[in-house]
N, C-alpha and C. Protein backbone atom coordinates (compact mmCIF):
# COMPACT_ATOMS: atom_id res chain seq x y z
N MET A 1 -22.44 87.69 51.19
CA MET A 1 -22.54 88.89 50.37
C MET A 1 -22.43 90.12 51.26
N PHE A 2 -21.73 91.11 50.80
CA PHE A 2 -21.45 92.32 51.55
C PHE A 2 -22.10 93.50 50.82
N VAL A 3 -23.10 94.12 51.44
CA VAL A 3 -23.85 95.20 50.82
C VAL A 3 -23.77 96.43 51.73
N THR A 4 -23.44 97.57 51.15
CA THR A 4 -23.39 98.81 51.92
C THR A 4 -24.42 99.80 51.41
N ILE A 5 -24.96 100.59 52.35
CA ILE A 5 -25.94 101.63 52.04
C ILE A 5 -25.32 102.97 52.42
N GLU A 6 -25.27 103.89 51.46
CA GLU A 6 -24.63 105.18 51.66
C GLU A 6 -25.59 106.31 51.31
N GLY A 7 -25.17 107.53 51.62
CA GLY A 7 -25.98 108.68 51.23
C GLY A 7 -25.82 109.85 52.18
N VAL A 8 -26.38 110.97 51.78
CA VAL A 8 -26.32 112.18 52.60
C VAL A 8 -27.21 112.02 53.83
N GLU A 9 -27.03 112.93 54.80
CA GLU A 9 -27.86 112.91 56.00
C GLU A 9 -29.33 113.05 55.60
N GLY A 10 -30.19 112.23 56.23
CA GLY A 10 -31.62 112.34 55.99
C GLY A 10 -32.13 111.64 54.75
N ALA A 11 -31.27 110.87 54.07
CA ALA A 11 -31.70 110.19 52.84
C ALA A 11 -32.54 108.95 53.11
N GLY A 12 -32.56 108.46 54.36
CA GLY A 12 -33.41 107.33 54.69
C GLY A 12 -32.71 106.00 54.76
N LYS A 13 -31.40 106.01 55.01
CA LYS A 13 -30.64 104.76 55.03
C LYS A 13 -31.15 103.78 56.08
N SER A 14 -31.35 104.25 57.29
CA SER A 14 -31.78 103.35 58.37
C SER A 14 -33.12 102.72 58.07
N THR A 15 -34.05 103.51 57.54
CA THR A 15 -35.36 102.99 57.17
C THR A 15 -35.24 101.90 56.11
N GLN A 16 -34.45 102.15 55.08
CA GLN A 16 -34.32 101.19 54.00
C GLN A 16 -33.62 99.91 54.45
N ILE A 17 -32.63 100.03 55.33
CA ILE A 17 -31.96 98.84 55.83
C ILE A 17 -32.92 97.95 56.61
N GLN A 18 -33.77 98.56 57.43
CA GLN A 18 -34.73 97.76 58.19
C GLN A 18 -35.76 97.11 57.26
N MET A 19 -36.20 97.81 56.23
CA MET A 19 -37.13 97.22 55.26
C MET A 19 -36.48 96.06 54.53
N LEU A 20 -35.20 96.22 54.16
CA LEU A 20 -34.48 95.14 53.50
C LEU A 20 -34.32 93.94 54.41
N LEU A 21 -33.96 94.19 55.66
CA LEU A 21 -33.78 93.09 56.60
C LEU A 21 -35.07 92.30 56.77
N GLN A 22 -36.19 92.99 56.91
CA GLN A 22 -37.47 92.30 57.06
C GLN A 22 -37.78 91.42 55.84
N ARG A 23 -37.47 91.92 54.66
CA ARG A 23 -37.74 91.14 53.45
C ARG A 23 -36.81 89.94 53.36
N LEU A 24 -35.56 90.13 53.70
CA LEU A 24 -34.61 89.02 53.68
C LEU A 24 -34.99 87.94 54.69
N VAL A 25 -35.43 88.35 55.86
CA VAL A 25 -35.86 87.38 56.88
C VAL A 25 -37.05 86.57 56.37
N ARG A 26 -38.01 87.26 55.73
CA ARG A 26 -39.18 86.55 55.18
C ARG A 26 -38.76 85.50 54.15
N LEU A 27 -37.71 85.79 53.40
CA LEU A 27 -37.24 84.86 52.37
C LEU A 27 -36.30 83.79 52.92
N GLY A 28 -35.95 83.90 54.19
CA GLY A 28 -35.06 82.92 54.79
C GLY A 28 -33.60 83.13 54.46
N VAL A 29 -33.23 84.35 54.04
CA VAL A 29 -31.83 84.65 53.74
C VAL A 29 -31.13 85.03 55.04
N PRO A 30 -30.07 84.32 55.42
CA PRO A 30 -29.35 84.67 56.65
C PRO A 30 -28.68 86.03 56.49
N ALA A 31 -29.10 87.00 57.30
CA ALA A 31 -28.61 88.37 57.13
C ALA A 31 -28.28 89.00 58.47
N LEU A 32 -27.38 89.95 58.42
CA LEU A 32 -26.94 90.68 59.60
C LEU A 32 -26.85 92.15 59.22
N VAL A 33 -27.30 93.03 60.13
CA VAL A 33 -27.22 94.47 59.92
C VAL A 33 -26.19 95.06 60.86
N SER A 34 -25.36 95.97 60.34
CA SER A 34 -24.39 96.67 61.18
C SER A 34 -24.26 98.10 60.67
N LYS A 35 -23.36 98.86 61.28
CA LYS A 35 -23.22 100.27 60.92
C LYS A 35 -21.82 100.75 61.21
N GLU A 36 -21.47 101.88 60.59
CA GLU A 36 -20.23 102.58 60.90
C GLU A 36 -20.51 104.08 61.03
N PRO A 37 -19.87 104.72 62.01
CA PRO A 37 -19.08 104.08 63.07
C PRO A 37 -20.00 103.45 64.11
N GLY A 38 -19.46 102.51 64.88
CA GLY A 38 -20.20 101.96 66.01
C GLY A 38 -20.74 100.58 65.84
N GLY A 39 -20.17 99.77 64.94
CA GLY A 39 -20.68 98.43 64.73
C GLY A 39 -20.16 97.39 65.72
N THR A 40 -19.30 97.81 66.64
CA THR A 40 -18.77 96.94 67.68
C THR A 40 -18.85 97.68 69.02
N PRO A 41 -18.71 96.97 70.15
CA PRO A 41 -18.72 97.68 71.44
C PRO A 41 -17.66 98.77 71.53
N LEU A 42 -16.44 98.47 71.08
CA LEU A 42 -15.40 99.50 71.07
C LEU A 42 -15.75 100.61 70.08
N GLY A 43 -16.36 100.21 68.98
CA GLY A 43 -16.76 101.19 67.98
C GLY A 43 -17.82 102.15 68.49
N GLN A 44 -18.67 101.67 69.40
CA GLN A 44 -19.69 102.55 69.99
C GLN A 44 -19.03 103.71 70.73
N GLU A 45 -17.92 103.41 71.41
CA GLU A 45 -17.21 104.47 72.11
C GLU A 45 -16.59 105.45 71.12
N LEU A 46 -16.05 104.92 70.03
CA LEU A 46 -15.51 105.80 69.00
C LEU A 46 -16.62 106.63 68.35
N ARG A 47 -17.78 106.03 68.16
CA ARG A 47 -18.91 106.77 67.57
C ARG A 47 -19.27 107.99 68.41
N SER A 48 -19.31 107.79 69.71
CA SER A 48 -19.61 108.91 70.60
C SER A 48 -18.56 110.01 70.49
N LEU A 49 -17.30 109.59 70.43
CA LEU A 49 -16.22 110.58 70.29
C LEU A 49 -16.31 111.33 68.96
N LEU A 50 -16.71 110.63 67.91
CA LEU A 50 -16.70 111.21 66.58
C LEU A 50 -17.92 112.07 66.27
N LEU A 51 -19.09 111.64 66.73
CA LEU A 51 -20.32 112.25 66.25
C LEU A 51 -20.99 113.20 67.23
N ALA A 52 -20.70 113.07 68.52
CA ALA A 52 -21.33 113.96 69.49
C ALA A 52 -20.46 115.19 69.73
N PRO A 53 -21.06 116.37 69.83
CA PRO A 53 -20.26 117.55 70.16
C PRO A 53 -19.57 117.36 71.52
N HIS A 54 -18.30 117.68 71.60
CA HIS A 54 -17.58 117.51 72.85
C HIS A 54 -17.88 118.67 73.79
N LEU A 55 -17.99 118.36 75.09
CA LEU A 55 -18.34 119.39 76.07
C LEU A 55 -17.32 120.51 76.11
N SER A 56 -16.08 120.20 75.76
CA SER A 56 -15.04 121.23 75.78
C SER A 56 -15.19 122.23 74.64
N GLY A 57 -15.96 121.84 73.64
CA GLY A 57 -16.08 122.68 72.45
C GLY A 57 -14.99 122.44 71.43
N GLU A 58 -13.99 121.64 71.80
CA GLU A 58 -12.91 121.34 70.85
C GLU A 58 -13.42 120.44 69.73
N LYS A 59 -12.93 120.69 68.53
CA LYS A 59 -13.31 119.89 67.37
C LYS A 59 -12.11 119.09 66.88
N TRP A 60 -12.38 117.89 66.33
CA TRP A 60 -11.32 117.10 65.75
C TRP A 60 -10.77 117.80 64.52
N CYS A 61 -9.46 117.78 64.36
CA CYS A 61 -8.90 118.22 63.08
C CYS A 61 -9.20 117.11 62.06
N PRO A 62 -9.26 117.43 60.79
CA PRO A 62 -9.64 116.42 59.78
C PRO A 62 -8.79 115.16 59.83
N GLU A 63 -7.50 115.28 60.09
CA GLU A 63 -6.62 114.11 60.10
C GLU A 63 -6.92 113.20 61.29
N SER A 64 -7.17 113.78 62.47
CA SER A 64 -7.52 112.98 63.64
C SER A 64 -8.84 112.26 63.41
N GLU A 65 -9.81 112.98 62.87
CA GLU A 65 -11.11 112.39 62.58
C GLU A 65 -10.98 111.21 61.62
N LEU A 66 -10.18 111.40 60.59
CA LEU A 66 -9.96 110.34 59.60
C LEU A 66 -9.40 109.08 60.25
N LEU A 67 -8.40 109.24 61.10
CA LEU A 67 -7.77 108.09 61.75
C LEU A 67 -8.74 107.36 62.67
N LEU A 68 -9.60 108.10 63.35
CA LEU A 68 -10.59 107.47 64.22
C LEU A 68 -11.61 106.67 63.41
N PHE A 69 -12.04 107.21 62.28
CA PHE A 69 -12.98 106.47 61.44
C PHE A 69 -12.35 105.17 60.94
N TYR A 70 -11.08 105.23 60.55
CA TYR A 70 -10.43 104.01 60.07
C TYR A 70 -10.13 103.04 61.21
N ALA A 71 -9.89 103.54 62.41
CA ALA A 71 -9.73 102.65 63.56
C ALA A 71 -11.02 101.89 63.82
N ASP A 72 -12.14 102.60 63.77
CA ASP A 72 -13.45 101.95 63.92
C ASP A 72 -13.66 100.90 62.83
N ARG A 73 -13.27 101.24 61.60
CA ARG A 73 -13.48 100.32 60.46
C ARG A 73 -12.62 99.06 60.60
N ALA A 74 -11.39 99.22 61.04
CA ALA A 74 -10.53 98.06 61.21
C ALA A 74 -11.13 97.08 62.22
N GLN A 75 -11.61 97.61 63.34
CA GLN A 75 -12.22 96.76 64.37
C GLN A 75 -13.50 96.12 63.85
N HIS A 76 -14.28 96.88 63.10
CA HIS A 76 -15.54 96.39 62.55
C HIS A 76 -15.31 95.25 61.56
N ILE A 77 -14.32 95.41 60.70
CA ILE A 77 -14.01 94.36 59.72
C ILE A 77 -13.57 93.08 60.43
N ALA A 78 -12.67 93.24 61.41
CA ALA A 78 -12.14 92.07 62.11
C ALA A 78 -13.18 91.36 62.96
N SER A 79 -14.05 92.12 63.61
CA SER A 79 -14.97 91.54 64.59
C SER A 79 -16.34 91.18 64.04
N VAL A 80 -16.76 91.85 62.96
CA VAL A 80 -18.13 91.67 62.47
C VAL A 80 -18.18 91.25 61.01
N ILE A 81 -17.57 92.05 60.13
CA ILE A 81 -17.78 91.83 58.69
C ILE A 81 -17.15 90.53 58.21
N ARG A 82 -15.86 90.33 58.48
CA ARG A 82 -15.22 89.09 58.00
C ARG A 82 -15.86 87.84 58.60
N PRO A 83 -16.14 87.80 59.91
CA PRO A 83 -16.80 86.61 60.46
C PRO A 83 -18.17 86.35 59.83
N ALA A 84 -18.92 87.41 59.54
CA ALA A 84 -20.23 87.23 58.91
C ALA A 84 -20.08 86.64 57.51
N LEU A 85 -19.14 87.16 56.73
CA LEU A 85 -18.93 86.64 55.38
C LEU A 85 -18.42 85.21 55.41
N GLU A 86 -17.54 84.91 56.34
CA GLU A 86 -17.00 83.54 56.44
C GLU A 86 -18.06 82.54 56.84
N SER A 87 -19.10 83.00 57.54
CA SER A 87 -20.18 82.10 57.96
C SER A 87 -21.29 82.00 56.92
N GLY A 88 -21.12 82.70 55.79
CA GLY A 88 -22.10 82.59 54.71
C GLY A 88 -23.29 83.51 54.85
N ARG A 89 -23.19 84.55 55.68
CA ARG A 89 -24.31 85.45 55.85
C ARG A 89 -24.19 86.66 54.92
N LEU A 90 -25.35 87.26 54.65
CA LEU A 90 -25.38 88.53 53.95
C LEU A 90 -25.30 89.63 55.01
N ILE A 91 -24.38 90.55 54.87
CA ILE A 91 -24.26 91.63 55.84
C ILE A 91 -24.58 92.96 55.17
N LEU A 92 -25.51 93.70 55.79
CA LEU A 92 -25.90 95.03 55.35
C LEU A 92 -25.27 96.04 56.28
N VAL A 93 -24.48 96.96 55.75
CA VAL A 93 -23.79 97.92 56.60
C VAL A 93 -24.23 99.35 56.24
N ASP A 94 -24.67 100.06 57.26
CA ASP A 94 -25.06 101.46 57.15
C ASP A 94 -23.80 102.31 57.23
N ARG A 95 -23.30 102.72 56.08
CA ARG A 95 -22.07 103.49 55.87
C ARG A 95 -20.83 102.61 55.97
N PHE A 96 -19.90 102.87 55.02
CA PHE A 96 -18.62 102.16 55.01
C PHE A 96 -17.59 103.13 54.41
N ASP A 97 -16.65 102.61 53.67
CA ASP A 97 -15.51 103.42 53.22
C ASP A 97 -15.93 104.57 52.32
N ASP A 98 -17.00 104.41 51.55
CA ASP A 98 -17.41 105.49 50.66
C ASP A 98 -17.86 106.73 51.44
N SER A 99 -18.42 106.54 52.63
CA SER A 99 -18.78 107.71 53.45
C SER A 99 -17.54 108.47 53.88
N THR A 100 -16.48 107.74 54.22
CA THR A 100 -15.23 108.42 54.56
C THR A 100 -14.72 109.20 53.36
N ARG A 101 -14.76 108.58 52.19
CA ARG A 101 -14.31 109.26 50.97
C ARG A 101 -15.12 110.53 50.71
N ALA A 102 -16.42 110.47 51.00
CA ALA A 102 -17.28 111.62 50.74
C ALA A 102 -17.15 112.69 51.82
N TYR A 103 -17.28 112.30 53.08
CA TYR A 103 -17.30 113.29 54.16
C TYR A 103 -15.92 113.84 54.48
N GLN A 104 -14.95 112.96 54.67
CA GLN A 104 -13.61 113.47 54.99
C GLN A 104 -12.96 114.09 53.74
N GLY A 105 -13.31 113.58 52.58
CA GLY A 105 -12.84 114.22 51.36
C GLY A 105 -13.39 115.63 51.23
N ALA A 106 -14.64 115.84 51.65
CA ALA A 106 -15.24 117.17 51.60
C ALA A 106 -14.59 118.12 52.60
N GLN A 107 -13.84 117.57 53.54
CA GLN A 107 -13.12 118.39 54.51
C GLN A 107 -11.68 118.65 54.07
N GLY A 108 -11.32 118.14 52.90
CA GLY A 108 -10.01 118.45 52.36
C GLY A 108 -8.98 117.34 52.44
N ILE A 109 -9.34 116.17 52.97
CA ILE A 109 -8.40 115.04 52.99
C ILE A 109 -8.21 114.53 51.56
N SER A 110 -6.99 114.27 51.18
CA SER A 110 -6.70 113.86 49.81
C SER A 110 -7.06 112.40 49.57
N GLU A 111 -7.36 112.09 48.32
CA GLU A 111 -7.65 110.71 47.93
C GLU A 111 -6.43 109.82 48.19
N ALA A 112 -5.23 110.37 47.98
CA ALA A 112 -4.01 109.58 48.18
C ALA A 112 -3.88 109.15 49.63
N THR A 113 -4.20 110.03 50.56
CA THR A 113 -4.14 109.69 51.98
C THR A 113 -5.13 108.60 52.31
N MET A 114 -6.36 108.72 51.80
CA MET A 114 -7.38 107.71 52.08
C MET A 114 -7.04 106.39 51.39
N ASP A 115 -6.41 106.46 50.23
CA ASP A 115 -5.97 105.23 49.56
C ASP A 115 -4.98 104.46 50.42
N LYS A 116 -4.04 105.18 51.02
CA LYS A 116 -3.03 104.52 51.85
C LYS A 116 -3.65 103.85 53.07
N LEU A 117 -4.56 104.55 53.74
CA LEU A 117 -5.21 103.96 54.90
C LEU A 117 -6.12 102.81 54.49
N GLY A 118 -6.77 102.95 53.34
CA GLY A 118 -7.62 101.88 52.85
C GLY A 118 -6.85 100.61 52.56
N GLU A 119 -5.64 100.75 52.04
CA GLU A 119 -4.80 99.58 51.78
C GLU A 119 -4.50 98.83 53.07
N VAL A 120 -4.25 99.57 54.14
CA VAL A 120 -3.92 98.95 55.43
C VAL A 120 -5.15 98.31 56.06
N VAL A 121 -6.26 99.03 56.06
CA VAL A 121 -7.44 98.60 56.82
C VAL A 121 -8.32 97.63 56.03
N LEU A 122 -8.56 97.91 54.76
CA LEU A 122 -9.46 97.08 53.97
C LEU A 122 -8.74 95.95 53.25
N GLY A 123 -7.49 96.17 52.87
CA GLY A 123 -6.83 95.18 52.03
C GLY A 123 -7.59 95.05 50.72
N ARG A 124 -8.00 93.84 50.38
CA ARG A 124 -8.75 93.61 49.14
C ARG A 124 -10.26 93.55 49.36
N LEU A 125 -10.70 93.78 50.60
CA LEU A 125 -12.12 93.71 50.90
C LEU A 125 -12.88 94.86 50.26
N ARG A 126 -13.93 94.55 49.51
CA ARG A 126 -14.81 95.55 48.93
C ARG A 126 -16.24 95.02 48.99
N PRO A 127 -17.22 95.92 49.15
CA PRO A 127 -18.61 95.47 49.08
C PRO A 127 -18.92 94.87 47.71
N HIS A 128 -19.80 93.87 47.71
CA HIS A 128 -20.28 93.34 46.42
C HIS A 128 -21.22 94.33 45.75
N LEU A 129 -21.95 95.10 46.57
CA LEU A 129 -22.90 96.09 46.05
C LEU A 129 -22.97 97.26 47.02
N THR A 130 -22.89 98.47 46.47
CA THR A 130 -23.08 99.68 47.26
C THR A 130 -24.23 100.46 46.66
N LEU A 131 -25.20 100.79 47.50
CA LEU A 131 -26.37 101.55 47.08
C LEU A 131 -26.29 102.93 47.72
N ILE A 132 -26.17 103.97 46.89
CA ILE A 132 -26.12 105.34 47.38
C ILE A 132 -27.50 105.96 47.23
N LEU A 133 -28.13 106.28 48.36
CA LEU A 133 -29.43 106.95 48.33
C LEU A 133 -29.18 108.43 48.07
N ASP A 134 -29.62 108.88 46.91
CA ASP A 134 -29.26 110.22 46.44
C ASP A 134 -30.45 111.16 46.48
N MET A 135 -30.21 112.35 47.04
CA MET A 135 -31.21 113.40 46.99
C MET A 135 -30.55 114.76 47.25
N ASP A 136 -31.27 115.81 46.90
CA ASP A 136 -30.79 117.17 47.10
C ASP A 136 -30.59 117.41 48.60
N PRO A 137 -29.38 117.80 49.02
CA PRO A 137 -29.15 118.02 50.46
C PRO A 137 -30.08 119.05 51.08
N ALA A 138 -30.55 120.03 50.31
CA ALA A 138 -31.48 121.01 50.87
C ALA A 138 -32.75 120.31 51.35
N LEU A 139 -33.19 119.30 50.61
CA LEU A 139 -34.38 118.54 51.00
C LEU A 139 -34.07 117.55 52.11
N SER A 140 -32.94 116.90 52.01
CA SER A 140 -32.61 115.90 53.03
C SER A 140 -32.39 116.54 54.39
N LEU A 141 -31.81 117.75 54.43
CA LEU A 141 -31.61 118.44 55.71
C LEU A 141 -32.94 118.88 56.31
N GLU A 142 -33.93 119.17 55.47
CA GLU A 142 -35.27 119.46 55.98
C GLU A 142 -35.83 118.23 56.69
N ARG A 143 -35.59 117.06 56.13
CA ARG A 143 -36.01 115.81 56.78
C ARG A 143 -35.34 115.67 58.15
N VAL A 144 -34.04 115.98 58.20
CA VAL A 144 -33.30 115.86 59.45
C VAL A 144 -33.88 116.79 60.50
N ARG A 145 -34.15 118.04 60.12
CA ARG A 145 -34.70 119.01 61.07
C ARG A 145 -36.07 118.58 61.56
N ALA A 146 -36.90 118.06 60.64
CA ALA A 146 -38.23 117.61 61.04
C ALA A 146 -38.14 116.41 61.98
N ARG A 147 -37.22 115.50 61.70
CA ARG A 147 -37.03 114.32 62.54
C ARG A 147 -36.58 114.72 63.94
N ASN A 148 -35.62 115.63 64.02
CA ASN A 148 -35.12 116.05 65.32
C ASN A 148 -36.17 116.82 66.10
N ALA A 149 -36.97 117.63 65.40
CA ALA A 149 -38.03 118.38 66.08
C ALA A 149 -39.09 117.43 66.62
N ALA A 150 -39.43 116.40 65.82
CA ALA A 150 -40.44 115.43 66.27
C ALA A 150 -39.95 114.65 67.48
N ALA A 151 -38.63 114.39 67.52
CA ALA A 151 -38.07 113.64 68.65
C ALA A 151 -37.97 114.50 69.89
N GLY A 152 -38.00 115.81 69.71
CA GLY A 152 -37.92 116.70 70.85
C GLY A 152 -36.59 116.70 71.54
N ASN A 153 -35.52 116.37 70.81
CA ASN A 153 -34.19 116.30 71.41
C ASN A 153 -33.56 117.68 71.51
N ALA A 154 -32.83 117.91 72.58
CA ALA A 154 -32.11 119.18 72.74
C ALA A 154 -30.88 119.21 71.85
N PHE A 155 -30.34 118.01 71.53
CA PHE A 155 -29.14 117.93 70.71
C PHE A 155 -29.47 117.25 69.39
N LYS A 156 -28.70 117.59 68.37
CA LYS A 156 -28.83 116.93 67.08
C LYS A 156 -28.34 115.50 67.20
N GLU A 157 -28.81 114.64 66.26
CA GLU A 157 -28.40 113.24 66.30
C GLU A 157 -26.89 113.12 66.14
N THR A 158 -26.32 113.84 65.19
CA THR A 158 -24.86 113.86 65.03
C THR A 158 -24.43 115.29 64.74
N ARG A 159 -23.16 115.56 64.99
CA ARG A 159 -22.68 116.92 64.75
C ARG A 159 -22.68 117.27 63.27
N PHE A 160 -22.72 116.26 62.39
CA PHE A 160 -22.78 116.56 60.96
C PHE A 160 -24.11 117.22 60.58
N ASP A 161 -25.14 117.03 61.43
CA ASP A 161 -26.41 117.71 61.16
C ASP A 161 -26.24 119.23 61.20
N ASN A 162 -25.24 119.70 61.93
CA ASN A 162 -25.02 121.14 62.07
C ASN A 162 -24.14 121.74 60.99
N GLU A 163 -23.62 120.90 60.09
CA GLU A 163 -22.77 121.41 59.02
C GLU A 163 -23.61 122.22 58.03
N THR A 164 -22.93 123.07 57.27
CA THR A 164 -23.62 123.96 56.34
C THR A 164 -24.16 123.19 55.14
N LEU A 165 -25.09 123.83 54.44
CA LEU A 165 -25.61 123.25 53.21
C LEU A 165 -24.48 123.10 52.19
N ASP A 166 -23.57 124.04 52.16
CA ASP A 166 -22.43 123.95 51.23
C ASP A 166 -21.62 122.68 51.48
N PHE A 167 -21.39 122.36 52.76
CA PHE A 167 -20.64 121.15 53.08
C PHE A 167 -21.39 119.92 52.58
N HIS A 168 -22.68 119.83 52.86
CA HIS A 168 -23.45 118.65 52.45
C HIS A 168 -23.57 118.56 50.92
N THR A 169 -23.55 119.70 50.26
CA THR A 169 -23.53 119.69 48.79
C THR A 169 -22.22 119.10 48.28
N ARG A 170 -21.11 119.45 48.92
CA ARG A 170 -19.82 118.87 48.53
C ARG A 170 -19.81 117.36 48.78
N VAL A 171 -20.41 116.94 49.90
CA VAL A 171 -20.49 115.51 50.19
C VAL A 171 -21.27 114.78 49.09
N ARG A 172 -22.40 115.35 48.71
CA ARG A 172 -23.20 114.71 47.66
C ARG A 172 -22.42 114.61 46.34
N LYS A 173 -21.71 115.67 45.99
CA LYS A 173 -20.93 115.64 44.75
C LYS A 173 -19.88 114.53 44.79
N ARG A 174 -19.30 114.31 45.95
CA ARG A 174 -18.29 113.26 46.07
C ARG A 174 -18.95 111.88 45.96
N PHE A 175 -20.14 111.71 46.52
CA PHE A 175 -20.86 110.44 46.34
C PHE A 175 -21.16 110.20 44.86
N LEU A 176 -21.60 111.23 44.17
CA LEU A 176 -21.90 111.10 42.74
C LEU A 176 -20.64 110.73 41.95
N ALA A 177 -19.51 111.30 42.34
CA ALA A 177 -18.25 110.98 41.66
C ALA A 177 -17.85 109.53 41.91
N ILE A 178 -18.08 109.04 43.14
CA ILE A 178 -17.79 107.64 43.47
C ILE A 178 -18.62 106.70 42.58
N ALA A 179 -19.89 107.02 42.43
CA ALA A 179 -20.76 106.19 41.59
C ALA A 179 -20.30 106.19 40.14
N GLN A 180 -19.84 107.34 39.67
CA GLN A 180 -19.38 107.43 38.29
C GLN A 180 -18.10 106.65 38.07
N ARG A 181 -17.21 106.65 39.06
CA ARG A 181 -15.93 105.96 38.93
C ARG A 181 -16.07 104.44 39.00
N ASP A 182 -17.07 103.95 39.73
CA ASP A 182 -17.15 102.51 40.00
C ASP A 182 -18.56 101.99 39.74
N PRO A 183 -19.04 102.07 38.49
CA PRO A 183 -20.43 101.68 38.21
C PRO A 183 -20.71 100.19 38.36
N GLN A 184 -19.67 99.35 38.34
CA GLN A 184 -19.89 97.92 38.51
C GLN A 184 -20.32 97.59 39.94
N ARG A 185 -19.86 98.39 40.89
CA ARG A 185 -20.18 98.14 42.30
C ARG A 185 -21.25 99.07 42.84
N VAL A 186 -21.25 100.32 42.38
CA VAL A 186 -22.06 101.37 43.01
C VAL A 186 -23.27 101.71 42.15
N THR A 187 -24.42 101.81 42.81
CA THR A 187 -25.66 102.19 42.13
C THR A 187 -26.29 103.36 42.86
N LEU A 188 -26.71 104.37 42.11
CA LEU A 188 -27.44 105.49 42.68
C LEU A 188 -28.93 105.17 42.70
N VAL A 189 -29.55 105.44 43.84
CA VAL A 189 -30.99 105.23 43.99
C VAL A 189 -31.63 106.55 44.41
N PRO A 190 -32.49 107.15 43.57
CA PRO A 190 -33.15 108.39 43.97
C PRO A 190 -33.96 108.18 45.26
N ALA A 191 -33.72 109.04 46.25
CA ALA A 191 -34.33 108.84 47.57
C ALA A 191 -35.45 109.83 47.87
N ASP A 192 -35.78 110.70 46.91
CA ASP A 192 -36.83 111.69 47.15
C ASP A 192 -38.19 111.14 46.73
N ARG A 193 -38.46 109.89 47.13
CA ARG A 193 -39.72 109.22 46.85
C ARG A 193 -40.23 108.58 48.12
N THR A 194 -41.34 107.87 48.06
CA THR A 194 -41.85 107.21 49.26
C THR A 194 -40.90 106.10 49.67
N PRO A 195 -40.88 105.73 50.95
CA PRO A 195 -40.02 104.63 51.39
C PRO A 195 -40.27 103.35 50.61
N GLU A 196 -41.53 103.08 50.28
CA GLU A 196 -41.86 101.86 49.55
C GLU A 196 -41.28 101.89 48.13
N GLU A 197 -41.33 103.04 47.48
CA GLU A 197 -40.77 103.15 46.13
C GLU A 197 -39.26 103.01 46.15
N VAL A 198 -38.63 103.61 47.15
CA VAL A 198 -37.17 103.49 47.26
C VAL A 198 -36.79 102.03 47.53
N HIS A 199 -37.56 101.37 48.39
CA HIS A 199 -37.27 99.97 48.71
C HIS A 199 -37.34 99.09 47.47
N GLU A 200 -38.37 99.28 46.65
CA GLU A 200 -38.50 98.46 45.45
C GLU A 200 -37.37 98.73 44.46
N ALA A 201 -36.91 99.98 44.39
CA ALA A 201 -35.77 100.29 43.52
C ALA A 201 -34.51 99.60 44.01
N ILE A 202 -34.32 99.59 45.33
CA ILE A 202 -33.16 98.89 45.92
C ILE A 202 -33.26 97.39 45.64
N TRP A 203 -34.44 96.84 45.83
CA TRP A 203 -34.62 95.41 45.63
C TRP A 203 -34.35 95.00 44.18
N ALA A 204 -34.68 95.87 43.26
CA ALA A 204 -34.43 95.57 41.84
C ALA A 204 -32.94 95.41 41.57
N HIS A 205 -32.10 96.07 42.34
CA HIS A 205 -30.65 95.93 42.16
C HIS A 205 -30.08 94.78 42.99
N LEU A 206 -30.67 94.51 44.15
CA LEU A 206 -30.14 93.48 45.03
C LEU A 206 -30.58 92.08 44.63
N SER A 207 -31.81 91.94 44.19
CA SER A 207 -32.35 90.60 43.93
C SER A 207 -31.58 89.81 42.87
N PRO A 208 -31.07 90.44 41.78
CA PRO A 208 -30.27 89.63 40.85
C PRO A 208 -29.02 89.03 41.48
N LEU A 209 -28.38 89.76 42.40
CA LEU A 209 -27.21 89.23 43.09
C LEU A 209 -27.60 88.06 43.99
N LEU A 210 -28.72 88.21 44.66
CA LEU A 210 -29.20 87.11 45.50
C LEU A 210 -29.50 85.88 44.66
N ARG A 211 -30.15 86.08 43.53
CA ARG A 211 -30.50 84.96 42.65
C ARG A 211 -29.25 84.27 42.13
N SER A 212 -28.25 85.06 41.74
CA SER A 212 -27.04 84.45 41.21
C SER A 212 -26.25 83.71 42.27
N SER A 213 -26.49 84.04 43.53
CA SER A 213 -25.80 83.36 44.65
C SER A 213 -26.61 82.19 45.18
N GLY A 214 -27.77 81.91 44.54
CA GLY A 214 -28.56 80.76 44.95
C GLY A 214 -29.57 81.05 46.04
N HIS A 215 -29.75 82.31 46.39
CA HIS A 215 -30.74 82.66 47.42
C HIS A 215 -32.12 82.81 46.78
N PRO A 216 -33.19 82.53 47.55
CA PRO A 216 -34.54 82.70 47.01
C PRO A 216 -34.88 84.17 46.89
N VAL A 217 -35.61 84.54 45.85
CA VAL A 217 -36.12 85.89 45.69
C VAL A 217 -37.59 85.79 45.29
N GLU A 218 -38.34 86.83 45.60
CA GLU A 218 -39.77 86.80 45.31
C GLU A 218 -40.00 87.00 43.83
């Protein structure tokens, strides 16, 4: 089973994936966690290129950025996702193609362009379930600022943390549009609650799929 977790910055994806993994391990479900960009050794190098501010100050143009994200995805699918599915494991991925649709789409890349690249890179591969953690970007960015301040880092975790509220609002609107277009695959989960409440909401959507696949559920 292939499950992806999506959402705006600060929505709590990493926390929820770890909570899910712990629950799956307790139930004896063979599971693997990965992420994009950076789910492979080569992808880690691409992640650094994509998400860290470059010392030169130069920024990727939207088309270059798009191609790098899809290069990372192609390697990730070939090296991690397909082998995991072929071995019968459940794979949880922190961001996948919907993030590209939301973030690069918010930068002006057309759906037609992303469709063409998706045909090449994904083929017929699609997640069985996508969970979008949804919240007001004004609140989620406050979480990001508090997290970075607590960590005491001189640099933001990713350069997207420095984008404007308007940009993150456009990203959220695109996530909402994705959920509306594909309700059979995509589920919105309100993320402005406690981690435990969000986890139980996620589990309510995931557990029926696990049960139908013969996996144990609580």
